[in-house]
Amino acid sequence: MAANEQISPEIKSPGGVAFELVWEKPSKDPSKVLNSPSDKDKEIDPEKIKEKLQAAEERRKSMLIEARKSQGQETTEKIKKAQAKAAELDTKFKEETKLNLTEKLGKVEVNKEVSKQHFQLKIEKTKEQREKVQQRKKEHVDVGDNGDASTGSS
């Protein structure tokens, strides 16, 4: 072990594992290891810069076009789904309305028939009542003609 190296005493953790810490300076200088490539090797050429900028602009435009296409396709899909749902709801509404109208017309027919029967019954009762009244009048007049009753004009 080197002279500048220090070993710390054993440290025990609460879980029962022991470990040692070694304190020493790094063997290599970190500033030399992390250096970026030197800028001296690269030459700055205005035409290369323009080409790279144009290529970047073309990439940006193509990405924008692709994004717009996908957005347009999504919008078209949403519109188609909405139209399909609207058509489905329209069909469902028409079926329900037709069914409701059929039910109502059936009820109207039944009510009309019941009302007609009720009216016929009322007419029959009225006829019976009128016949009874006429019968009583006839009997009343007949009794008065025979002299049996005191109701007649003499």
Protein backbone atom coordinates (compact mmCIF):
# COMPACT_ATOMS: atom_id res chain seq x y z
CA MET A 1 0.00 0.00 0.00
CA ALA A 2 1.16 3.48 -0.76
CA ALA A 3 2.12 5.98 1.90
CA ASN A 4 -0.67 8.42 1.04
CA GLU A 5 -3.33 5.72 1.22
CA GLN A 6 -5.35 5.38 4.38
CA ILE A 7 -7.55 2.51 5.40
CA SER A 8 -10.36 3.30 7.73
CA PRO A 9 -11.33 0.88 10.45
CA GLU A 10 -14.10 -1.59 9.74
CA ILE A 11 -17.57 -0.12 9.80
CA LYS A 12 -20.53 -2.31 10.55
CA SER A 13 -23.92 -1.51 9.12
CA PRO A 14 -27.17 -2.27 10.95
CA GLY A 15 -27.78 -5.24 8.61
CA GLY A 16 -24.65 -7.04 9.82
CA VAL A 17 -22.48 -6.39 6.71
CA ALA A 18 -18.95 -5.09 7.28
CA PHE A 19 -17.01 -2.99 4.77
CA GLU A 20 -13.81 -0.91 4.60
CA LEU A 21 -13.34 2.52 3.08
CA VAL A 22 -10.14 3.29 1.20
CA TRP A 23 -9.21 6.96 1.01
CA GLU A 24 -6.72 7.75 -1.73
CA LYS A 25 -6.32 10.28 -4.47
CA PRO A 26 -7.27 9.26 -8.02
CA SER A 27 -4.43 7.83 -10.07
CA LYS A 28 -5.19 9.96 -13.16
CA ASP A 29 -5.90 13.67 -13.41
CA PRO A 30 -9.67 13.99 -14.15
CA SER A 31 -9.25 17.25 -16.04
CA LYS A 32 -7.08 15.50 -18.67
CA VAL A 33 -9.43 12.56 -19.06
CA LEU A 34 -12.53 14.67 -19.70
CA ASN A 35 -11.03 17.01 -22.29
CA SER A 36 -13.03 17.42 -25.48
CA PRO A 37 -11.34 17.07 -28.83
CA SER A 38 -9.27 20.05 -29.68
CA ASP A 39 -10.85 22.75 -31.78
CA LYS A 40 -7.62 23.16 -33.75
CA ASP A 41 -8.32 20.01 -35.76
CA LYS A 42 -11.61 21.34 -37.12
CA GLU A 43 -11.71 23.88 -39.89
CA ILE A 44 -14.63 26.28 -40.09
CA ASP A 45 -15.94 26.36 -43.64
CA PRO A 46 -18.89 28.71 -44.37
CA GLU A 47 -20.17 26.47 -47.17
CA LYS A 48 -20.27 23.41 -44.91
CA ILE A 49 -22.15 25.45 -42.34
CA LYS A 50 -24.68 26.57 -44.99
CA GLU A 51 -25.11 22.97 -46.19
CA LYS A 52 -25.68 21.75 -42.64
CA LEU A 53 -28.18 24.55 -42.00
CA GLN A 54 -30.04 23.73 -45.22
CA ALA A 55 -30.10 20.03 -44.33
CA ALA A 56 -31.41 20.88 -40.87
CA GLU A 57 -34.07 23.14 -42.39
CA GLU A 58 -35.14 20.37 -44.79
CA ARG A 59 -35.34 17.88 -41.92
CA ARG A 60 -37.42 20.34 -39.90
CA LYS A 61 -39.77 20.93 -42.86
CA SER A 62 -40.14 17.21 -43.57
CA MET A 63 -40.86 16.54 -39.89
CA LEU A 64 -43.42 19.35 -39.90
CA ILE A 65 -45.07 17.94 -43.03
CA GLU A 66 -45.20 14.47 -41.48
CA ALA A 67 -46.67 15.89 -38.28
CA ARG A 68 -49.34 17.74 -40.27
CA LYS A 69 -50.15 14.62 -42.29
CA SER A 70 -50.56 12.52 -39.16
CA GLN A 71 -52.63 15.28 -37.55
CA GLY A 72 -54.77 15.46 -40.70
CA GLN A 73 -55.25 11.70 -40.66
CA GLU A 74 -56.22 11.79 -36.98
CA THR A 75 -58.68 14.59 -37.67
CA THR A 76 -60.14 12.66 -40.61
CA GLU A 77 -60.51 9.55 -38.45
CA LYS A 78 -62.23 11.57 -35.73
CA ILE A 79 -64.60 13.08 -38.30
CA LYS A 80 -65.41 9.64 -39.72
CA LYS A 81 -66.06 8.26 -36.24
CA ALA A 82 -68.29 11.23 -35.41
CA GLN A 83 -70.22 10.82 -38.68
CA ALA A 84 -70.67 7.10 -38.04
CA LYS A 85 -71.89 7.78 -34.51
CA ALA A 86 -74.25 10.49 -35.76
CA ALA A 87 -75.64 8.12 -38.41
CA GLU A 88 -76.08 5.42 -35.79
CA LEU A 89 -77.87 7.80 -33.43
CA ASP A 90 -80.04 9.05 -36.30
CA THR A 91 -81.01 5.51 -37.23
CA LYS A 92 -81.73 4.66 -33.60
CA PHE A 93 -83.84 7.83 -33.23
CA LYS A 94 -85.81 7.00 -36.39
CA GLU A 95 -86.49 3.45 -35.18
CA GLU A 96 -87.57 4.62 -31.73
CA THR A 97 -89.76 7.35 -33.22
CA LYS A 98 -91.36 4.90 -35.63
CA LEU A 99 -92.01 2.46 -32.78
CA ASN A 100 -93.47 5.22 -30.58
CA LEU A 101 -95.73 6.44 -33.38
CA THR A 102 -96.90 2.91 -34.09
CA GLU A 103 -97.71 2.43 -30.41
CA LYS A 104 -99.54 5.76 -30.26
CA LEU A 105 -101.54 4.97 -33.41
CA GLY A 106 -102.45 1.59 -31.94
CA LYS A 107 -103.59 3.26 -28.72
CA VAL A 108 -105.57 5.83 -30.70
CA GLU A 109 -107.26 3.04 -32.66
CA VAL A 110 -108.11 1.18 -29.44
CA ASN A 111 -109.38 4.36 -27.80
CA LYS A 112 -111.38 5.19 -30.91
CA GLU A 113 -112.93 1.71 -30.92
CA VAL A 114 -113.71 1.89 -27.19
CA SER A 115 -115.20 5.33 -27.63
CA LYS A 116 -117.28 4.11 -30.56
CA GLN A 117 -118.54 1.14 -28.55
CA HIS A 118 -119.30 3.40 -25.61
CA PHE A 119 -121.22 5.75 -27.90
CA GLN A 120 -123.15 2.83 -29.45
CA LEU A 121 -124.00 1.56 -25.96
CA LYS A 122 -125.19 5.01 -24.99
CA ILE A 123 -127.34 5.22 -28.11
CA GLU A 124 -128.84 1.80 -27.35
CA LYS A 125 -129.57 2.84 -23.76
CA THR A 126 -131.15 6.05 -25.03
CA LYS A 127 -133.29 4.07 -27.50
CA GLU A 128 -134.34 1.67 -24.76
CA GLN A 129 -135.18 4.56 -22.47
CA ARG A 130 -137.15 6.30 -25.24
CA GLU A 131 -139.02 3.08 -26.01
CA LYS A 132 -139.83 2.66 -22.32
CA VAL A 133 -141.09 6.19 -22.12
CA GLN A 134 -143.14 5.76 -25.30
CA GLN A 135 -144.49 2.47 -23.97
CA ARG A 136 -145.50 4.15 -20.72
CA LYS A 137 -147.14 6.99 -22.62
CA LYS A 138 -148.96 4.54 -24.82
CA GLU A 139 -150.11 2.55 -21.81
CA HIS A 140 -151.08 5.78 -20.11
CA VAL A 141 -153.06 6.95 -23.09
CA ASP A 142 -154.65 3.53 -23.58
CA VAL A 143 -155.71 3.40 -19.95
CA GLY A 144 -157.17 6.88 -20.25
CA ASP A 145 -159.27 5.96 -23.32
CA ASN A 146 -160.88 2.97 -21.59
CA GLY A 147 -162.00 5.12 -18.73
CA ASP A 148 -160.17 3.09 -16.24
CA ALA A 149 -157.92 5.87 -15.19
CA SER A 150 -158.76 9.38 -14.27
CA THR A 151 -156.04 10.93 -16.27
CA GLY A 152 -157.46 11.99 -19.47
CA SER A 153 -159.45 14.98 -20.50
CA SER A 154 -163.19 14.39 -20.55
